[in-house]
Amino acid sequence: MVDQDSIHLNGLNKVALALHPSGKADSDLHSLLLQAIERLWDARQERLLAAQTTIPDIVWFVVIVGGALTVAFGSFLGAPSLRMQLAMSAVLAASGALVLILIIALSNPFRGDFRVSTAPFEHVLSRMEATAEQQ
């Protein structure tokens, strides 16, 4: 997919660079076109970089140690019975686990159920392909 995207963007670059503006207005439009293509390349690079990044190790350390300390702290809270103490500690552990699951689910914005939609990019790509077919 990445290589195919590069092929399309390189084709768009070639088409834009092959244009020879005939007047001042065309020259201004050509300049704006080249700037827009550069912004498109930059946005693509940022998306690729964001897709490759993961949660830093320090965040994992803080979440795991903080969760362990929170559950351990729950054992110091006095409850009238052992069952109540265990239930309270279990609820505390479950809330920490839910936070951890949320962090994992949101850690990669381009995969999973909570991903960023590819629909806008696919729309632009289909318009670029349609324009290329017309020429």
Protein backbone atom coordinates (compact mmCIF):
# COMPACT_ATOMS: atom_id res chain seq x y z
CA MET A 1 0.00 0.00 0.00
CA VAL A 2 2.78 2.44 0.86
CA ASP A 3 4.60 1.83 -2.43
CA GLN A 4 1.37 2.21 -4.40
CA ASP A 5 0.72 5.53 -2.67
CA SER A 6 4.20 6.71 -3.58
CA ILE A 7 3.59 5.77 -7.21
CA HIS A 8 0.39 7.84 -7.29
CA LEU A 9 2.03 10.82 -5.61
CA ASN A 10 5.07 10.62 -7.90
CA GLY A 11 2.70 10.56 -10.89
CA LEU A 12 0.96 13.64 -9.54
CA ASN A 13 4.35 15.31 -9.12
CA LYS A 14 5.33 14.51 -12.72
CA VAL A 15 2.05 15.86 -14.07
CA ALA A 16 2.40 19.06 -12.06
CA LEU A 17 6.03 19.57 -13.08
CA ALA A 18 5.23 18.89 -16.74
CA LEU A 19 2.76 21.77 -16.81
CA HIS A 20 4.13 24.93 -18.41
CA PRO A 21 2.14 28.00 -17.41
CA SER A 22 1.58 30.47 -20.23
CA GLY A 23 0.75 33.60 -18.31
CA LYS A 24 0.98 35.29 -14.94
CA ALA A 25 -2.32 33.85 -13.71
CA ASP A 26 -1.37 30.36 -14.83
CA SER A 27 2.03 30.78 -13.19
CA ASP A 28 0.38 31.73 -9.90
CA LEU A 29 -1.96 28.74 -10.09
CA HIS A 30 0.97 26.45 -10.91
CA SER A 31 2.83 27.75 -7.88
CA LEU A 32 -0.22 27.07 -5.66
CA LEU A 33 -0.51 23.57 -7.15
CA LEU A 34 3.13 22.80 -6.33
CA GLN A 35 2.65 24.09 -2.78
CA ALA A 36 -0.45 21.92 -2.33
CA ILE A 37 1.43 18.85 -3.55
CA GLU A 38 4.25 19.59 -1.13
CA ARG A 39 1.73 19.83 1.73
CA LEU A 40 0.24 16.51 0.57
CA TRP A 41 3.67 14.86 0.72
CA ASP A 42 4.32 16.34 4.16
CA ALA A 43 0.95 15.13 5.47
CA ARG A 44 1.65 11.64 4.09
CA GLN A 45 5.03 11.55 5.83
CA GLU A 46 3.43 12.62 9.11
CA ARG A 47 0.76 9.90 8.80
CA LEU A 48 3.38 7.24 8.08
CA LEU A 49 5.42 8.37 11.07
CA ALA A 50 2.37 8.42 13.34
CA ALA A 51 1.40 4.93 12.21
CA GLN A 52 4.80 3.57 13.20
CA THR A 53 5.00 5.12 16.65
CA THR A 54 4.06 3.15 19.74
CA ILE A 55 3.52 3.87 23.41
CA PRO A 56 6.83 4.85 25.05
CA ASP A 57 8.28 2.49 27.68
CA ILE A 58 8.05 5.13 30.40
CA VAL A 59 4.26 5.27 29.95
CA TRP A 60 4.03 1.49 30.36
CA PHE A 61 6.20 1.71 33.47
CA VAL A 62 4.07 4.44 35.03
CA VAL A 63 0.79 2.68 34.23
CA ILE A 64 1.87 -0.71 35.55
CA VAL A 65 3.63 0.54 38.69
CA GLY A 66 0.86 3.05 39.37
CA GLY A 67 -1.75 0.31 39.00
CA ALA A 68 0.15 -2.00 41.33
CA LEU A 69 0.51 0.77 43.92
CA THR A 70 -3.19 1.61 43.65
CA VAL A 71 -4.21 -2.01 44.20
CA ALA A 72 -1.70 -2.35 47.05
CA PHE A 73 -3.07 0.80 48.63
CA GLY A 74 -6.54 -0.76 48.55
CA SER A 75 -5.32 -3.43 50.95
CA PHE A 76 -4.63 -0.78 53.57
CA LEU A 77 -8.23 0.40 53.57
CA GLY A 78 -9.93 -1.28 56.47
CA ALA A 79 -13.02 -3.25 55.60
CA PRO A 80 -15.18 -5.11 58.13
CA SER A 81 -14.78 -8.45 56.36
CA LEU A 82 -12.28 -10.20 54.13
CA ARG A 83 -14.87 -10.66 51.36
CA MET A 84 -15.62 -6.94 51.30
CA GLN A 85 -11.88 -6.16 51.25
CA LEU A 86 -11.34 -8.54 48.31
CA ALA A 87 -14.33 -7.13 46.44
CA MET A 88 -13.08 -3.59 46.93
CA SER A 89 -9.57 -4.53 45.77
CA ALA A 90 -11.04 -6.35 42.74
CA VAL A 91 -13.06 -3.30 41.71
CA LEU A 92 -9.97 -1.13 42.09
CA ALA A 93 -7.92 -3.56 39.98
CA ALA A 94 -10.67 -3.70 37.35
CA SER A 95 -10.73 0.09 37.03
CA GLY A 96 -6.97 0.10 36.51
CA ALA A 97 -7.28 -2.67 33.92
CA LEU A 98 -9.93 -0.65 32.06
CA VAL A 99 -7.59 2.34 31.89
CA LEU A 100 -4.85 0.07 30.56
CA ILE A 101 -7.20 -1.35 27.92
CA LEU A 102 -8.16 2.17 26.89
CA ILE A 103 -4.51 3.17 26.53
CA ILE A 104 -3.83 0.12 24.35
CA ALA A 105 -6.93 0.73 22.22
CA LEU A 106 -6.01 4.37 21.58
CA SER A 107 -2.26 3.81 21.20
CA ASN A 108 -2.36 3.40 17.43
CA PRO A 109 -4.71 5.81 15.65
CA PHE A 110 -4.50 3.97 12.30
CA ARG A 111 -5.51 0.46 13.45
CA GLY A 112 -8.22 -1.15 15.54
CA ASP A 113 -11.77 -0.10 16.31
CA PHE A 114 -10.84 3.50 17.14
CA ARG A 115 -8.84 4.21 13.98
CA VAL A 116 -8.73 7.35 11.89
CA SER A 117 -10.85 6.92 8.78
CA THR A 118 -9.17 6.48 5.40
CA ALA A 119 -12.27 7.73 3.58
CA PRO A 120 -10.98 11.30 2.92
CA PHE A 121 -7.70 9.98 1.51
CA GLU A 122 -9.52 7.43 -0.67
CA HIS A 123 -11.83 10.19 -1.94
CA VAL A 124 -8.87 12.37 -2.95
CA LEU A 125 -7.15 9.38 -4.53
CA SER A 126 -10.22 8.52 -6.60
CA ARG A 127 -10.47 12.13 -7.78
CA MET A 128 -6.79 12.10 -8.74
CA GLU A 129 -7.26 8.85 -10.68
CA ALA A 130 -10.33 10.23 -12.43
CA THR A 131 -8.39 13.35 -13.40
CA ALA A 132 -5.49 11.26 -14.70
CA GLU A 133 -7.87 9.18 -16.83
CA GLN A 134 -9.38 12.31 -18.38
CA GLN A 135 -5.98 13.53 -19.57
